[in-house]
Amino acid sequence: MSFNKESATERAVQDLAKRLSLGKGEIAVSSVDSAEFPDMSLGAPEADEMAAQMIANGWKIRLTADGKNYEYRADKYQIRLKGFGGKNHVIVY
């Protein structure tokens, strides 16, 4: 599967709504910005994950729900959730 900025944002909203048991309408998109990440894990590796050390271009997707902020990171191949519950999560790879 290949993502663009819009499809990655939509998938992030769907994932967060499911994680928080909320409707998609209760998730606000705060911002979606182009980003350059330091490695192929988009700077958000899961525990013990090894990632190729090459620049990856993608998007930082910032969402808000129930007064809290959440950050997803995506490129055209994958989507990750950074720091949710103290851990990074691969959503799609």
PDB file of N, CA and C in Angstrom:
ATOM      1  N   MET A   1       0.843  -1.178   0.000  1.00  0.00           N
ATOM      2  CA  MET A   1       0.000   0.000   0.000  1.00  0.00           C
ATOM      3  C   MET A   1       0.888   1.241   0.000  1.00  0.00           C
ATOM      4  N   SER A   2       0.458   2.232  -0.715  1.00  0.00           N
ATOM      5  CA  SER A   2       1.200   3.476  -0.783  1.00  0.00           C
ATOM      6  C   SER A   2       0.320   4.603  -0.243  1.00  0.00           C
ATOM      7  N   PHE A   3       0.909   5.459   0.570  1.00  0.00           N
ATOM      8  CA  PHE A   3       0.164   6.552   1.180  1.00  0.00           C
ATOM      9  C   PHE A   3       0.570   7.892   0.582  1.00  0.00           C
ATOM     10  N   ASN A   4      -0.383   8.813   0.590  1.00  0.00           N
ATOM     11  CA  ASN A   4      -0.079  10.219   0.353  1.00  0.00           C
ATOM     12  C   ASN A   4      -0.471  10.952   1.635  1.00  0.00           C
ATOM     13  N   LYS A   5      -0.282  12.235   1.669  1.00  0.00           N
ATOM     14  CA  LYS A   5      -0.545  13.004   2.883  1.00  0.00           C
ATOM     15  C   LYS A   5      -1.985  12.814   3.371  1.00  0.00           C
ATOM     16  N   GLU A   6      -2.933  12.849   2.467  1.00  0.00           N
ATOM     17  CA  GLU A   6      -4.342  12.740   2.847  1.00  0.00           C
ATOM     18  C   GLU A   6      -4.696  11.335   3.337  1.00  0.00           C
ATOM     19  N   SER A   7      -4.251  10.302   2.619  1.00  0.00           N
ATOM     20  CA  SER A   7      -4.607   8.936   3.024  1.00  0.00           C
ATOM     21  C   SER A   7      -3.905   8.544   4.327  1.00  0.00           C
ATOM     22  N   ALA A   8      -2.690   9.026   4.541  1.00  0.00           N
ATOM     23  CA  ALA A   8      -1.986   8.751   5.797  1.00  0.00           C
ATOM     24  C   ALA A   8      -2.706   9.436   6.966  1.00  0.00           C
ATOM     25  N   THR A   9      -3.168  10.643   6.753  1.00  0.00           N
ATOM     26  CA  THR A   9      -3.894  11.370   7.805  1.00  0.00           C
ATOM     27  C   THR A   9      -5.199  10.654   8.139  1.00  0.00           C
ATOM     28  N   GLU A  10      -5.927  10.229   7.131  1.00  0.00           N
ATOM     29  CA  GLU A  10      -7.188   9.516   7.350  1.00  0.00           C
ATOM     30  C   GLU A  10      -6.957   8.224   8.132  1.00  0.00           C
ATOM     31  N   ARG A  11      -5.910   7.494   7.776  1.00  0.00           N
ATOM     32  CA  ARG A  11      -5.606   6.237   8.479  1.00  0.00           C
ATOM     33  C   ARG A  11      -5.205   6.510   9.931  1.00  0.00           C
ATOM     34  N   ALA A  12      -4.473   7.598  10.178  1.00  0.00           N
ATOM     35  CA  ALA A  12      -4.097   7.968  11.550  1.00  0.00           C
ATOM     36  C   ALA A  12      -5.339   8.303  12.370  1.00  0.00           C
ATOM     37  N   VAL A  13      -6.267   9.043  11.799  1.00  0.00           N
ATOM     38  CA  VAL A  13      -7.510   9.387  12.497  1.00  0.00           C
ATOM     39  C   VAL A  13      -8.282   8.110  12.832  1.00  0.00           C
ATOM     40  N   GLN A  14      -8.390   7.199  11.884  1.00  0.00           N
ATOM     41  CA  GLN A  14      -9.086   5.928  12.124  1.00  0.00           C
ATOM     42  C   GLN A  14      -8.428   5.152  13.265  1.00  0.00           C
ATOM     43  N   ASP A  15      -7.107   5.093  13.241  1.00  0.00           N
ATOM     44  CA  ASP A  15      -6.384   4.342  14.271  1.00  0.00           C
ATOM     45  C   ASP A  15      -6.599   4.951  15.649  1.00  0.00           C
ATOM     46  N   LEU A  16      -6.467   6.274  15.760  1.00  0.00           N
ATOM     47  CA  LEU A  16      -6.622   6.913  17.063  1.00  0.00           C
ATOM     48  C   LEU A  16      -8.052   6.768  17.582  1.00  0.00           C
ATOM     49  N   ALA A  17      -9.033   6.911  16.712  1.00  0.00           N
ATOM     50  CA  ALA A  17     -10.425   6.740  17.128  1.00  0.00           C
ATOM     51  C   ALA A  17     -10.632   5.346  17.701  1.00  0.00           C
ATOM     52  N   LYS A  18     -10.071   4.342  17.057  1.00  0.00           N
ATOM     53  CA  LYS A  18     -10.204   2.966  17.542  1.00  0.00           C
ATOM     54  C   LYS A  18      -9.492   2.784  18.887  1.00  0.00           C
ATOM     55  N   ARG A  19      -8.280   3.308  18.999  1.00  0.00           N
ATOM     56  CA  ARG A  19      -7.515   3.171  20.242  1.00  0.00           C
ATOM     57  C   ARG A  19      -8.213   3.822  21.434  1.00  0.00           C
ATOM     58  N   LEU A  20      -8.856   4.944  21.183  1.00  0.00           N
ATOM     59  CA  LEU A  20      -9.495   5.702  22.264  1.00  0.00           C
ATOM     60  C   LEU A  20     -10.990   5.407  22.396  1.00  0.00           C
ATOM     61  N   SER A  21     -11.508   4.528  21.547  1.00  0.00           N
ATOM     62  CA  SER A  21     -12.942   4.199  21.528  1.00  0.00           C
ATOM     63  C   SER A  21     -13.797   5.457  21.338  1.00  0.00           C
ATOM     64  N   LEU A  22     -13.396   6.254  20.351  1.00  0.00           N
ATOM     65  CA  LEU A  22     -14.109   7.481  20.009  1.00  0.00           C
ATOM     66  C   LEU A  22     -14.589   7.400  18.567  1.00  0.00           C
ATOM     67  N   GLY A  23     -15.517   8.267  18.214  1.00  0.00           N
ATOM     68  CA  GLY A  23     -15.908   8.404  16.827  1.00  0.00           C
ATOM     69  C   GLY A  23     -14.868   9.223  16.078  1.00  0.00           C
ATOM     70  N   LYS A  24     -14.753   8.989  14.768  1.00  0.00           N
ATOM     71  CA  LYS A  24     -13.770   9.756  13.984  1.00  0.00           C
ATOM     72  C   LYS A  24     -14.019  11.258  14.088  1.00  0.00           C
ATOM     73  N   GLY A  25     -15.273  11.656  14.264  1.00  0.00           N
ATOM     74  CA  GLY A  25     -15.611  13.070  14.389  1.00  0.00           C
ATOM     75  C   GLY A  25     -15.104  13.710  15.670  1.00  0.00           C
ATOM     76  N   GLU A  26     -14.679  12.889  16.620  1.00  0.00           N
ATOM     77  CA  GLU A  26     -14.158  13.402  17.888  1.00  0.00           C
ATOM     78  C   GLU A  26     -12.639  13.604  17.854  1.00  0.00           C
ATOM     79  N   ILE A  27     -12.028  13.293  16.719  1.00  0.00           N
ATOM     80  CA  ILE A  27     -10.585  13.463  16.533  1.00  0.00           C
ATOM     81  C   ILE A  27     -10.368  14.690  15.653  1.00  0.00           C
ATOM     82  N   ALA A  28      -9.572  15.645  16.133  1.00  0.00           N
ATOM     83  CA  ALA A  28      -9.261  16.844  15.356  1.00  0.00           C
ATOM     84  C   ALA A  28      -7.849  16.732  14.785  1.00  0.00           C
ATOM     85  N   VAL A  29      -7.707  17.126  13.526  1.00  0.00           N
ATOM     86  CA  VAL A  29      -6.381  17.186  12.899  1.00  0.00           C
ATOM     87  C   VAL A  29      -5.811  18.558  13.216  1.00  0.00           C
ATOM     88  N   SER A  30      -4.778  18.595  14.068  1.00  0.00           N
ATOM     89  CA  SER A  30      -4.155  19.863  14.453  1.00  0.00           C
ATOM     90  C   SER A  30      -3.253  20.390  13.354  1.00  0.00           C
ATOM     91  N   SER A  31      -2.430  19.486  12.780  1.00  0.00           N
ATOM     92  CA  SER A  31      -1.543  19.888  11.685  1.00  0.00           C
ATOM     93  C   SER A  31      -0.995  18.648  10.977  1.00  0.00           C
ATOM     94  N   VAL A  32      -0.628  18.850   9.738  1.00  0.00           N
ATOM     95  CA  VAL A  32       0.064  17.826   8.949  1.00  0.00           C
ATOM     96  C   VAL A  32       1.181  18.559   8.223  1.00  0.00           C
ATOM     97  N   ASP A  33       2.412  18.276   8.631  1.00  0.00           N
ATOM     98  CA  ASP A  33       3.557  18.987   8.078  1.00  0.00           C
ATOM     99  C   ASP A  33       4.536  18.025   7.427  1.00  0.00           C
ATOM    100  N   SER A  34       5.128  18.462   6.342  1.00  0.00           N
ATOM    101  CA  SER A  34       6.199  17.679   5.730  1.00  0.00           C
ATOM    102  C   SER A  34       7.349  17.591   6.716  1.00  0.00           C
ATOM    103  N   ALA A  35       8.012  16.436   6.734  1.00  0.00           N
ATOM    104  CA  ALA A  35       9.102  16.243   7.694  1.00  0.00           C
ATOM    105  C   ALA A  35      10.179  15.366   7.080  1.00  0.00           C
ATOM    106  N   GLU A  36      11.383  15.542   7.583  1.00  0.00           N
ATOM    107  CA  GLU A  36      12.527  14.716   7.218  1.00  0.00           C
ATOM    108  C   GLU A  36      12.923  13.957   8.481  1.00  0.00           C
ATOM    109  N   PHE A  37      12.866  12.630   8.414  1.00  0.00           N
ATOM    110  CA  PHE A  37      13.162  11.795   9.570  1.00  0.00           C
ATOM    111  C   PHE A  37      14.562  11.213   9.470  1.00  0.00           C
ATOM    112  N   PRO A  38      15.211  10.936  10.603  1.00  0.00           N
ATOM    113  CA  PRO A  38      16.619  10.523  10.604  1.00  0.00           C
ATOM    114  C   PRO A  38      16.872   9.080  10.161  1.00  0.00           C
ATOM    115  N   ASP A  39      15.813   8.273  10.102  1.00  0.00           N
ATOM    116  CA  ASP A  39      16.004   6.871   9.737  1.00  0.00           C
ATOM    117  C   ASP A  39      14.703   6.295   9.191  1.00  0.00           C
ATOM    118  N   MET A  40      14.750   5.022   8.799  1.00  0.00           N
ATOM    119  CA  MET A  40      13.589   4.398   8.183  1.00  0.00           C
ATOM    120  C   MET A  40      12.504   4.010   9.183  1.00  0.00           C
ATOM    121  N   SER A  41      12.757   4.201  10.485  1.00  0.00           N
ATOM    122  CA  SER A  41      11.697   4.013  11.478  1.00  0.00           C
ATOM    123  C   SER A  41      10.982   5.341  11.726  1.00  0.00           C
ATOM    124  N   LEU A  42      11.301   6.334  10.931  1.00  0.00           N
ATOM    125  CA  LEU A  42      10.723   7.679  11.028  1.00  0.00           C
ATOM    126  C   LEU A  42      11.000   8.320  12.385  1.00  0.00           C
ATOM    127  N   GLY A  43      12.119   7.919  12.988  1.00  0.00           N
ATOM    128  CA  GLY A  43      12.492   8.464  14.288  1.00  0.00           C
ATOM    129  C   GLY A  43      11.596   7.978  15.410  1.00  0.00           C
ATOM    130  N   ALA A  44      10.848   6.900  15.159  1.00  0.00           N
ATOM    131  CA  ALA A  44       9.929   6.354  16.161  1.00  0.00           C
ATOM    132  C   ALA A  44       9.998   4.821  16.156  1.00  0.00           C
ATOM    133  N   PRO A  45      11.176   4.264  16.486  1.00  0.00           N
ATOM    134  CA  PRO A  45      11.309   2.804  16.453  1.00  0.00           C
ATOM    135  C   PRO A  45      10.548   2.127  17.586  1.00  0.00           C
ATOM    136  N   GLU A  46      10.064   0.925  17.313  1.00  0.00           N
ATOM    137  CA  GLU A  46       9.507   0.104  18.382  1.00  0.00           C
ATOM    138  C   GLU A  46      10.681  -0.434  19.189  1.00  0.00           C
ATOM    139  N   ALA A  47      10.418  -0.968  20.372  1.00  0.00           N
ATOM    140  CA  ALA A  47      11.471  -1.512  21.227  1.00  0.00           C
ATOM    141  C   ALA A  47      12.308  -2.533  20.465  1.00  0.00           C
ATOM    142  N   ASP A  48      13.621  -2.393  20.553  1.00  0.00           N
ATOM    143  CA  ASP A  48      14.591  -3.310  19.931  1.00  0.00           C
ATOM    144  C   ASP A  48      14.545  -3.355  18.405  1.00  0.00           C
ATOM    145  N   GLU A  49      13.883  -2.409  17.765  1.00  0.00           N
ATOM    146  CA  GLU A  49      13.823  -2.384  16.299  1.00  0.00           C
ATOM    147  C   GLU A  49      15.093  -1.767  15.732  1.00  0.00           C
ATOM    148  N   MET A  50      15.634  -2.388  14.718  1.00  0.00           N
ATOM    149  CA  MET A  50      16.771  -1.837  13.985  1.00  0.00           C
ATOM    150  C   MET A  50      16.225  -1.196  12.713  1.00  0.00           C
ATOM    151  N   ALA A  51      16.698  -0.012  12.377  1.00  0.00           N
ATOM    152  CA  ALA A  51      16.218   0.681  11.187  1.00  0.00           C
ATOM    153  C   ALA A  51      17.399   1.171  10.365  1.00  0.00           C
ATOM    154  N   ALA A  52      17.232   1.129   9.061  1.00  0.00           N
ATOM    155  CA  ALA A  52      18.258   1.648   8.159  1.00  0.00           C
ATOM    156  C   ALA A  52      18.491   3.124   8.463  1.00  0.00           C
ATOM    157  N   GLN A  53      19.754   3.510   8.500  1.00  0.00           N
ATOM    158  CA  GLN A  53      20.123   4.883   8.839  1.00  0.00           C
ATOM    159  C   GLN A  53      20.222   5.729   7.574  1.00  0.00           C
ATOM    160  N   MET A  54      19.056   6.051   7.041  1.00  0.00           N
ATOM    161  CA  MET A  54      18.996   6.931   5.878  1.00  0.00           C
ATOM    162  C   MET A  54      17.793   7.855   6.048  1.00  0.00           C
ATOM    163  N   ILE A  55      17.906   9.031   5.495  1.00  0.00           N
ATOM    164  CA  ILE A  55      16.848  10.036   5.634  1.00  0.00           C
ATOM    165  C   ILE A  55      15.569   9.524   4.973  1.00  0.00           C
ATOM    166  N   ALA A  56      14.456   9.690   5.675  1.00  0.00           N
ATOM    167  CA  ALA A  56      13.142   9.341   5.144  1.00  0.00           C
ATOM    168  C   ALA A  56      12.286  10.606   5.133  1.00  0.00           C
ATOM    169  N   ASN A  57      11.657  10.876   4.023  1.00  0.00           N
ATOM    170  CA  ASN A  57      10.781  12.040   3.896  1.00  0.00           C
ATOM    171  C   ASN A  57       9.335  11.608   4.073  1.00  0.00           C
ATOM    172  N   GLY A  58       8.581  12.396   4.822  1.00  0.00           N
ATOM    173  CA  GLY A  58       7.182  12.055   5.045  1.00  0.00           C
ATOM    174  C   GLY A  58       6.456  13.193   5.716  1.00  0.00           C
ATOM    175  N   TRP A  59       5.568  12.840   6.679  1.00  0.00           N
ATOM    176  CA  TRP A  59       4.716  13.831   7.330  1.00  0.00           C
ATOM    177  C   TRP A  59       4.615  13.573   8.821  1.00  0.00           C
ATOM    178  N   LYS A  60       4.563  14.650   9.585  1.00  0.00           N
ATOM    179  CA  LYS A  60       4.196  14.578  10.999  1.00  0.00           C
ATOM    180  C   LYS A  60       2.721  14.956  11.054  1.00  0.00           C
ATOM    181  N   ILE A  61       1.928  14.039  11.587  1.00  0.00           N
ATOM    182  CA  ILE A  61       0.487  14.233  11.666  1.00  0.00           C
ATOM    183  C   ILE A  61       0.145  14.412  13.142  1.00  0.00           C
ATOM    184  N   ARG A  62      -0.328  15.595  13.490  1.00  0.00           N
ATOM    185  CA  ARG A  62      -0.659  15.875  14.891  1.00  0.00           C
ATOM    186  C   ARG A  62      -2.175  15.896  15.043  1.00  0.00           C
ATOM    187  N   LEU A  63      -2.651  15.047  15.945  1.00  0.00           N
ATOM    188  CA  LEU A  63      -4.083  14.923  16.198  1.00  0.00           C
ATOM    189  C   LEU A  63      -4.381  15.305  17.644  1.00  0.00           C
ATOM    190  N   THR A  64      -5.611  15.735  17.890  1.00  0.00           N
ATOM    191  CA  THR A  64      -6.055  16.078  19.234  1.00  0.00           C
ATOM    192  C   THR A  64      -7.375  15.370  19.516  1.00  0.00           C
ATOM    193  N   ALA A  65      -7.478  14.805  20.715  1.00  0.00           N
ATOM    194  CA  ALA A  65      -8.722  14.173  21.156  1.00  0.00           C
ATOM    195  C   ALA A  65      -8.809  14.297  22.671  1.00  0.00           C
ATOM    196  N   ASP A  66      -9.973  14.647  23.163  1.00  0.00           N
ATOM    197  CA  ASP A  66     -10.187  14.796  24.609  1.00  0.00           C
ATOM    198  C   ASP A  66      -9.131  15.675  25.268  1.00  0.00           C
ATOM    199  N   GLY A  67      -8.705  16.733  24.574  1.00  0.00           N
ATOM    200  CA  GLY A  67      -7.744  17.671  25.135  1.00  0.00           C
ATOM    201  C   GLY A  67      -6.306  17.198  25.154  1.00  0.00           C
ATOM    202  N   LYS A  68      -6.027  16.036  24.563  1.00  0.00           N
ATOM    203  CA  LYS A  68      -4.661  15.510  24.517  1.00  0.00           C
ATOM    204  C   LYS A  68      -4.157  15.500  23.083  1.00  0.00           C
ATOM    205  N   ASN A  69      -2.835  15.634  22.947  1.00  0.00           N
ATOM    206  CA  ASN A  69      -2.200  15.653  21.633  1.00  0.00           C
ATOM    207  C   ASN A  69      -1.526  14.315  21.341  1.00  0.00           C
ATOM    208  N   TYR A  70      -1.566  13.917  20.073  1.00  0.00           N
ATOM    209  CA  TYR A  70      -0.971  12.662  19.620  1.00  0.00           C
ATOM    210  C   TYR A  70      -0.206  12.937  18.332  1.00  0.00           C
ATOM    211  N   GLU A  71       0.918  12.238  18.161  1.00  0.00           N
ATOM    212  CA  GLU A  71       1.727  12.440  16.959  1.00  0.00           C
ATOM    213  C   GLU A  71       1.912  11.131  16.207  1.00  0.00           C
ATOM    214  N   TYR A  72       1.488  11.168  14.960  1.00  0.00           N
ATOM    215  CA  TYR A  72       1.734  10.073  14.032  1.00  0.00           C
ATOM    216  C   TYR A  72       2.810  10.531  13.070  1.00  0.00           C
ATOM    217  N   ARG A  73       3.563   9.577  12.570  1.00  0.00           N
ATOM    218  CA  ARG A  73       4.580   9.857  11.562  1.00  0.00           C
ATOM    219  C   ARG A  73       4.345   8.905  10.401  1.00  0.00           C
ATOM    220  N   ALA A  74       4.446   9.423   9.209  1.00  0.00           N
ATOM    221  CA  ALA A  74       4.147   8.600   8.042  1.00  0.00           C
ATOM    222  C   ALA A  74       5.056   8.959   6.884  1.00  0.00           C
ATOM    223  N   ASP A  75       5.255   7.990   6.018  1.00  0.00           N
ATOM    224  CA  ASP A  75       5.833   8.238   4.712  1.00  0.00           C
ATOM    225  C   ASP A  75       4.967   7.460   3.733  1.00  0.00           C
ATOM    226  N   LYS A  76       5.400   7.318   2.489  1.00  0.00           N
ATOM    227  CA  LYS A  76       4.514   6.666   1.536  1.00  0.00           C
ATOM    228  C   LYS A  76       4.376   5.165   1.769  1.00  0.00           C
ATOM    229  N   TYR A  77       5.182   4.598   2.677  1.00  0.00           N
ATOM    230  CA  TYR A  77       5.146   3.161   2.934  1.00  0.00           C
ATOM    231  C   TYR A  77       4.589   2.755   4.296  1.00  0.00           C
ATOM    232  N   GLN A  78       4.603   3.638   5.276  1.00  0.00           N
ATOM    233  CA  GLN A  78       4.259   3.231   6.641  1.00  0.00           C
ATOM    234  C   GLN A  78       3.678   4.386   7.443  1.00  0.00           C
ATOM    235  N   ILE A  79       3.007   3.997   8.552  1.00  0.00           N
ATOM    236  CA  ILE A  79       2.472   4.960   9.512  1.00  0.00           C
ATOM    237  C   ILE A  79       2.836   4.458  10.905  1.00  0.00           C
ATOM    238  N   ARG A  80       3.303   5.378  11.753  1.00  0.00           N
ATOM    239  CA  ARG A  80       3.686   5.042  13.124  1.00  0.00           C
ATOM    240  C   ARG A  80       3.062   6.035  14.083  1.00  0.00           C
ATOM    241  N   LEU A  81       2.774   5.561  15.281  1.00  0.00           N
ATOM    242  CA  LEU A  81       2.280   6.407  16.360  1.00  0.00           C
ATOM    243  C   LEU A  81       3.412   6.562  17.359  1.00  0.00           C
ATOM    244  N   LYS A  82       3.782   7.794  17.645  1.00  0.00           N
ATOM    245  CA  LYS A  82       4.932   8.066  18.515  1.00  0.00           C
ATOM    246  C   LYS A  82       4.480   8.314  19.950  1.00  0.00           C
ATOM    247  N   GLY A  83       5.067   7.561  20.875  1.00  0.00           N
ATOM    248  CA  GLY A  83       4.913   7.816  22.299  1.00  0.00           C
ATOM    249  C   GLY A  83       3.548   7.560  22.902  1.00  0.00           C
ATOM    250  N   PHE A  84       2.741   6.716  22.318  1.00  0.00           N
ATOM    251  CA  PHE A  84       1.426   6.411  22.878  1.00  0.00           C
ATOM    252  C   PHE A  84       1.583   5.377  23.986  1.00  0.00           C
ATOM    253  N   GLY A  85       1.152   5.723  25.180  1.00  0.00           N
ATOM    254  CA  GLY A  85       1.325   4.810  26.314  1.00  0.00           C
ATOM    255  C   GLY A  85       2.783   4.562  26.628  1.00  0.00           C
ATOM    256  N   GLY A  86       3.641   5.523  26.302  1.00  0.00           N
ATOM    257  CA  GLY A  86       5.064   5.395  26.574  1.00  0.00           C
ATOM    258  C   GLY A  86       5.831   4.559  25.564  1.00  0.00           C
ATOM    259  N   LYS A  87       5.154   4.151  24.465  1.00  0.00           N
ATOM    260  CA  LYS A  87       5.808   3.340  23.438  1.00  0.00           C
ATOM    261  C   LYS A  87       5.463   3.861  22.053  1.00  0.00           C
ATOM    262  N   ASN A  88       6.312   3.509  21.095  1.00  0.00           N
ATOM    263  CA  ASN A  88       6.029   3.775  19.689  1.00  0.00           C
ATOM    264  C   ASN A  88       5.324   2.543  19.113  1.00  0.00           C
ATOM    265  N   HIS A  89       4.446   2.779  18.148  1.00  0.00           N
ATOM    266  CA  HIS A  89       3.674   1.686  17.558  1.00  0.00           C
ATOM    267  C   HIS A  89       3.700   1.783  16.040  1.00  0.00           C
ATOM    268  N   VAL A  90       3.925   0.663  15.375  1.00  0.00           N
ATOM    269  CA  VAL A  90       3.804   0.598  13.923  1.00  0.00           C
ATOM    270  C   VAL A  90       2.350   0.328  13.617  1.00  0.00           C
ATOM    271  N   ILE A  91       1.726   1.210  12.846  1.00  0.00           N
ATOM    272  CA  ILE A  91       0.316   1.059  12.488  1.00  0.00           C
ATOM    273  C   ILE A  91       0.206   0.283  11.181  1.00  0.00           C
ATOM    274  N   VAL A  92       0.952   0.696  10.200  1.00  0.00           N
ATOM    275  CA  VAL A  92       0.987   0.029   8.899  1.00  0.00           C
ATOM    276  C   VAL A  92       2.423   0.015   8.442  1.00  0.00           C
ATOM    277  N   TYR A  93       2.877  -1.142   7.972  1.00  0.00           N
ATOM    278  CA  TYR A  93       4.237  -1.243   7.441  1.00  0.00           C
ATOM    279  C   TYR A  93       4.239  -2.154   6.260  1.00  0.00           C
TER     280      TYR A  93
END
